[in-house]
Amino acid sequence: CGPAMSLFITMLRTVNAKDWISHDPLDGTVIGHNAELQIHHFFPRQCLTKHGINDLDLINTFANYTVISKDTNLKFLDLEPIDYIKKNNIKRKDLEAQFIPLDEDLWRVKNYRKFLRVRRENLSKAANRLLG
């Protein structure tokens, strides 16, 4: 999964991050067909392409990745984050545990590039704290 993803998983374990819907820990200990952990695009690929963002480097950037269960991932499809967060009553503390900016304006496709900048800063600060 690569060094960056390994560091990210360690960061999630350090803050006891949980799945956004099931609230199961994201530490790989939960067992079940749809409990397996998946990389989720915070802004789903289908959502971005539907809004005219087709650059795969921009879509598949690390700052757009989160980790959630397969079951939770299947619920989001092509929705904007602002919509699936509200629809599923995802808690701010669970978003914060994955270093997601809490400014709701950044959860809209029109602000995707700004979201990426802020999320990169959040990830960088968290990694530096962890690594000392």
Protein backbone atom coordinates (compact mmCIF):
# COMPACT_ATOMS: atom_id res chain seq x y z
CA CYS A 1 0.00 0.00 0.00
CA GLY A 2 3.04 2.27 0.03
CA PRO A 3 4.75 4.34 2.70
CA ALA A 4 2.32 7.28 2.59
CA MET A 5 -0.71 5.02 3.10
CA SER A 6 1.10 3.10 5.86
CA LEU A 7 1.80 6.38 7.64
CA PHE A 8 -1.83 7.44 7.17
CA ILE A 9 -3.13 4.16 8.65
CA THR A 10 -0.79 4.65 11.62
CA MET A 11 -2.11 8.19 12.03
CA LEU A 12 -5.69 6.86 12.01
CA ARG A 13 -4.86 4.24 14.64
CA THR A 14 -3.16 6.85 16.82
CA VAL A 15 -6.33 8.97 16.98
CA ASN A 16 -8.64 5.92 17.24
CA ALA A 17 -10.43 6.82 13.99
CA LYS A 18 -13.73 5.06 13.39
CA ASP A 19 -15.85 4.21 10.37
CA TRP A 20 -18.21 7.07 9.63
CA ILE A 21 -21.41 5.01 9.77
CA SER A 22 -20.76 1.74 11.64
CA HIS A 23 -18.39 3.46 14.10
CA ASP A 24 -16.16 0.37 14.02
CA PRO A 25 -12.46 1.08 14.62
CA LEU A 26 -10.35 1.57 11.50
CA ASP A 27 -7.59 -0.67 12.76
CA GLY A 28 -8.29 -3.76 10.65
CA THR A 29 -9.67 -5.82 13.55
CA VAL A 30 -13.33 -5.83 12.48
CA ILE A 31 -14.28 -8.98 10.57
CA GLY A 32 -17.03 -9.41 8.00
CA HIS A 33 -17.65 -9.29 4.27
CA ASN A 34 -18.39 -5.56 4.09
CA ALA A 35 -16.21 -4.62 7.07
CA GLU A 36 -12.98 -4.69 5.06
CA LEU A 37 -11.29 -1.32 4.89
CA GLN A 38 -11.24 0.54 1.60
CA ILE A 39 -9.70 3.69 0.31
CA HIS A 40 -12.55 6.10 -0.31
CA HIS A 41 -12.32 9.26 -2.35
CA PHE A 42 -13.75 11.93 -0.01
CA PHE A 43 -14.98 13.57 -3.21
CA PRO A 44 -16.11 10.42 -5.07
CA ARG A 45 -14.70 10.02 -8.58
CA GLN A 46 -18.19 9.88 -10.07
CA CYS A 47 -19.11 13.11 -8.30
CA LEU A 48 -16.06 14.93 -9.63
CA THR A 49 -16.45 13.69 -13.21
CA LYS A 50 -20.16 14.55 -13.12
CA HIS A 51 -19.07 18.13 -12.34
CA GLY A 52 -16.48 18.24 -15.14
CA ILE A 53 -13.33 17.35 -13.17
CA ASN A 54 -11.73 14.59 -15.24
CA ASP A 55 -8.02 14.97 -14.45
CA LEU A 56 -7.11 11.62 -12.84
CA ASP A 57 -4.11 13.13 -11.04
CA LEU A 58 -6.43 15.67 -9.44
CA ILE A 59 -9.06 13.02 -8.60
CA ASN A 60 -6.66 10.36 -7.31
CA THR A 61 -4.53 12.64 -5.18
CA PHE A 62 -3.71 11.44 -1.66
CA ALA A 63 -5.43 14.48 -0.14
CA ASN A 64 -8.73 13.12 -1.50
CA TYR A 65 -8.31 9.71 0.19
CA THR A 66 -9.94 8.50 3.37
CA VAL A 67 -10.29 5.01 4.82
CA ILE A 68 -13.72 3.56 5.59
CA SER A 69 -15.43 0.19 5.47
CA LYS A 70 -16.62 -1.27 2.19
CA ASP A 71 -20.22 -1.10 3.42
CA THR A 72 -19.95 2.62 4.17
CA ASN A 73 -18.14 3.32 0.90
CA LEU A 74 -21.01 1.77 -1.08
CA LYS A 75 -23.45 4.31 0.38
CA PHE A 76 -21.78 7.41 -1.08
CA LEU A 77 -21.70 6.72 -4.84
CA ASP A 78 -21.66 10.06 -6.69
CA LEU A 79 -22.80 12.39 -3.92
CA GLU A 80 -20.96 15.54 -2.91
CA PRO A 81 -19.45 15.21 0.57
CA ILE A 82 -21.80 17.91 1.92
CA ASP A 83 -24.75 15.70 0.89
CA TYR A 84 -23.55 12.29 2.07
CA ILE A 85 -22.27 13.73 5.35
CA LYS A 86 -25.63 15.28 6.15
CA LYS A 87 -27.69 12.35 4.80
CA ASN A 88 -25.77 9.86 6.97
CA ASN A 89 -25.36 12.13 10.02
CA ILE A 90 -21.60 11.67 9.96
CA LYS A 91 -20.10 13.17 13.09
CA ARG A 92 -17.60 16.00 12.84
CA LYS A 93 -15.27 14.21 15.28
CA ASP A 94 -15.13 11.23 12.89
CA LEU A 95 -14.24 13.53 9.99
CA GLU A 96 -11.68 15.33 12.11
CA ALA A 97 -10.08 11.98 13.01
CA GLN A 98 -9.29 11.62 9.30
CA PHE A 99 -7.95 15.18 9.12
CA ILE A 100 -10.88 16.39 7.00
CA PRO A 101 -11.33 20.18 7.09
CA LEU A 102 -14.49 20.98 9.07
CA ASP A 103 -15.44 24.03 7.00
CA GLU A 104 -18.60 22.78 5.26
CA ASP A 105 -18.00 25.08 2.28
CA LEU A 106 -14.97 22.93 1.47
CA TRP A 107 -17.24 19.87 1.11
CA ARG A 108 -18.66 21.23 -2.18
CA VAL A 109 -17.19 20.42 -5.59
CA LYS A 110 -16.89 24.11 -6.46
CA ASN A 111 -14.28 24.36 -3.65
CA TYR A 112 -12.47 21.09 -4.39
CA ARG A 113 -9.04 22.61 -5.03
CA LYS A 114 -9.21 24.66 -1.82
CA PHE A 115 -10.30 21.50 0.06
CA LEU A 116 -7.20 19.71 -1.25
CA ARG A 117 -4.91 22.54 -0.07
CA VAL A 118 -6.39 22.59 3.44
CA ARG A 119 -6.48 18.79 3.72
CA ARG A 120 -2.81 18.57 2.67
CA GLU A 121 -1.95 21.04 5.43
CA ASN A 122 -3.97 19.00 7.96
CA LEU A 123 -2.27 15.75 6.91
CA SER A 124 1.17 17.34 7.00
CA LYS A 125 0.67 18.77 10.49
CA ALA A 126 -0.66 15.44 11.80
CA ALA A 127 2.24 13.49 10.27
CA ASN A 128 4.78 15.92 11.72
CA ARG A 129 3.18 15.60 15.17
CA LEU A 130 3.29 11.82 14.97
CA LEU A 131 6.88 11.69 13.71
CA GLY A 132 8.12 14.40 16.08
